[in-house]
Protein backbone atom coordinates (compact mmCIF):
# COMPACT_ATOMS: atom_id res chain seq x y z
CA MET A 1 10.34 -31.56 -15.02
CA ASP A 2 13.47 -33.72 -14.79
CA ASN A 3 15.65 -35.67 -17.22
CA LEU A 4 13.32 -38.69 -17.12
CA ASP A 5 10.43 -36.47 -18.22
CA ARG A 6 12.57 -35.02 -21.00
CA ASN A 7 13.53 -38.52 -22.17
CA ILE A 8 9.87 -39.59 -22.15
CA ILE A 9 8.94 -36.53 -24.21
CA ASP A 10 11.74 -37.26 -26.70
CA LEU A 11 10.46 -40.83 -27.09
CA LEU A 12 6.90 -39.59 -27.58
CA ARG A 13 8.16 -37.21 -30.27
CA GLU A 14 9.67 -40.20 -32.08
CA ASN A 15 6.50 -42.26 -31.72
CA SER A 16 3.47 -40.90 -29.89
CA ARG A 17 1.87 -44.36 -30.12
CA ALA A 18 4.64 -46.07 -28.15
CA SER A 19 3.30 -48.08 -25.24
CA TYR A 20 4.03 -47.14 -21.65
CA GLY A 21 5.96 -50.42 -21.35
CA ASP A 22 8.13 -49.67 -24.39
CA ILE A 23 8.91 -46.19 -23.09
CA GLY A 24 9.54 -47.53 -19.59
CA SER A 25 12.02 -50.12 -20.84
CA ARG A 26 13.99 -47.37 -22.58
CA VAL A 27 14.04 -44.95 -19.63
CA GLY A 28 14.26 -47.47 -16.79
CA LEU A 29 10.76 -47.12 -15.34
CA SER A 30 7.72 -49.36 -15.03
CA ALA A 31 4.80 -48.86 -17.41
CA SER A 32 2.66 -47.50 -14.57
CA ALA A 33 5.36 -44.98 -13.58
CA VAL A 34 5.58 -43.80 -17.20
CA LYS A 35 1.78 -43.44 -17.33
CA ARG A 36 1.77 -41.37 -14.13
CA ARG A 37 4.51 -39.10 -15.50
CA ILE A 38 2.74 -38.64 -18.85
CA ASP A 39 -0.56 -37.92 -17.09
CA ARG A 40 1.21 -35.29 -14.96
CA LEU A 41 2.89 -33.75 -18.02
CA VAL A 42 -0.52 -33.48 -19.71
CA LEU A 43 -2.17 -32.06 -16.57
CA ASP A 44 0.64 -29.50 -16.16
CA GLY A 45 0.26 -28.41 -19.80
CA VAL A 46 3.74 -29.55 -20.81
CA ILE A 47 2.24 -32.02 -23.28
CA ARG A 48 -0.52 -30.17 -25.12
CA GLY A 49 -1.82 -33.05 -27.21
CA PHE A 50 -1.09 -36.13 -29.24
CA THR A 51 -1.41 -36.00 -33.00
CA ILE A 52 -0.56 -37.61 -36.28
CA ASN A 53 1.79 -36.25 -38.91
CA VAL A 54 0.42 -36.92 -42.40
CA ASP A 55 2.69 -36.76 -45.44
CA PRO A 56 1.37 -33.63 -47.20
CA THR A 57 2.26 -34.98 -50.65
CA ILE A 58 0.00 -37.98 -50.09
CA ASP A 59 -2.64 -35.76 -48.50
CA GLY A 60 -2.65 -33.60 -51.66
CA MET A 61 -1.05 -30.52 -50.08
CA SER A 62 2.34 -30.72 -51.80
CA THR A 63 2.88 -27.02 -52.61
CA GLU A 64 4.45 -25.05 -49.80
CA ALA A 65 5.52 -21.42 -49.52
CA TYR A 66 6.95 -19.11 -46.91
CA VAL A 67 5.33 -15.70 -47.06
CA GLU A 68 6.40 -12.42 -45.52
CA LEU A 69 3.35 -10.34 -44.63
CA PHE A 70 3.54 -6.55 -44.47
CA CYS A 71 0.75 -4.52 -42.84
CA ARG A 72 -0.54 -0.98 -43.20
CA GLY A 73 0.03 0.89 -39.95
CA THR A 74 -0.09 -0.88 -36.64
CA VAL A 75 -2.01 -4.16 -36.54
CA SER A 76 -2.38 -6.20 -33.37
CA PRO A 77 -1.31 -9.86 -33.30
CA SER A 78 -4.90 -10.83 -32.46
CA GLU A 79 -6.17 -9.04 -35.58
CA LEU A 80 -3.56 -10.80 -37.72
CA GLN A 81 -4.54 -14.10 -36.13
CA ARG A 82 -8.22 -13.46 -36.94
CA ILE A 83 -7.37 -12.74 -40.59
CA LEU A 84 -5.07 -15.74 -40.97
CA LEU A 85 -7.31 -18.28 -39.23
CA ALA A 86 -9.86 -17.60 -42.00
CA VAL A 87 -7.42 -19.00 -44.59
CA PRO A 88 -7.15 -22.77 -44.03
CA GLU A 89 -4.02 -23.07 -46.17
CA VAL A 90 -2.08 -21.05 -43.57
CA ALA A 91 -0.33 -23.86 -41.72
CA GLU A 92 1.69 -21.62 -39.44
CA ALA A 93 2.00 -17.90 -38.76
CA CYS A 94 4.30 -15.93 -36.48
CA THR A 95 4.89 -12.27 -35.80
CA VAL A 96 8.55 -11.45 -36.34
CA SER A 97 11.12 -8.73 -35.91
CA GLY A 98 12.49 -7.02 -39.01
CA SER A 99 10.71 -5.35 -41.89
CA ALA A 100 7.90 -7.91 -42.23
CA ASP A 101 5.12 -7.97 -39.65
CA ALA A 102 4.62 -11.73 -39.86
CA ILE A 103 5.92 -14.85 -41.57
CA LEU A 104 3.46 -17.47 -42.83
CA ARG A 105 3.89 -21.05 -43.97
CA ILE A 106 1.22 -21.90 -46.50
CA ARG A 107 0.42 -25.40 -47.80
CA SER A 108 -1.81 -25.92 -50.81
CA ARG A 109 -2.65 -28.43 -53.53
CA ASP A 110 -0.94 -26.55 -56.36
CA ILE A 111 0.18 -23.11 -57.55
CA PRO A 112 -3.35 -21.87 -58.43
CA SER A 113 -4.64 -22.78 -54.95
CA LEU A 114 -1.56 -21.14 -53.39
CA GLU A 115 -2.30 -18.01 -55.38
CA ALA A 116 -5.94 -18.07 -54.24
CA ALA A 117 -4.87 -18.43 -50.59
CA LEU A 118 -2.44 -15.52 -50.95
CA GLU A 119 -5.21 -13.41 -52.45
CA ARG A 120 -7.48 -14.16 -49.47
CA VAL A 121 -4.69 -12.92 -47.19
CA ARG A 122 -3.99 -9.83 -49.32
CA VAL A 123 -7.60 -8.59 -49.44
CA ALA A 124 -7.66 -7.90 -45.70
CA PRO A 125 -7.78 -4.11 -45.26
CA SER A 126 -4.80 -4.10 -42.89
CA VAL A 127 -2.53 -6.08 -45.25
CA ASP A 128 -0.32 -3.94 -47.49
CA HIS A 129 1.53 -6.65 -49.43
CA THR A 130 3.22 -10.03 -49.24
CA ARG A 131 6.48 -11.49 -50.49
CA SER A 132 6.56 -15.23 -51.17
CA ALA A 133 9.18 -17.93 -51.57
CA ILE A 134 7.97 -21.30 -52.85
CA VAL A 135 9.66 -24.32 -51.29
CA LEU A 136 11.49 -26.44 -53.86
CA SER A 137 12.76 -29.21 -51.60
CA ARG A 138 12.76 -29.82 -47.86
CA LEU A 139 16.27 -30.51 -46.58
CA VAL A 140 15.64 -30.85 -42.83
CA HIS A 141 12.34 -31.18 -40.99
CA ARG A 142 12.11 -31.61 -37.22
CA GLU A 143 9.05 -31.15 -35.06
CA ILE A 144 10.59 -29.31 -32.11
CA GLU A 145 8.18 -27.54 -29.83
């Protein structure tokens, strides 16, 4: 991967619907050269997919919380993943260092649905407790992956 590939990826992050010609004019390549590079980036697994980013407030998922998850004993990441995939409000989950075993980002319609999602996480036998912080306002949001 070279600087041209990185520039193409940056432009796709800005607008994944940009045409090959538009991208090419900004990076100094022909549309066909851009297409070949994007195809290669997809084939190599650098680009994992193309998606849309829906405004959660319009989509009805305006309540957001960050949740520290604490487990009983030793729980494997795959077991945590199995538990958390069963709760559709869990938008993101990562194992972390520190006192918590994992950090979750939960999106829900409102406080009662957030509470219900938290309860579905807490009833798992390996979960000891959670600690939540509800998001009041988003100051910076970048999709960097």
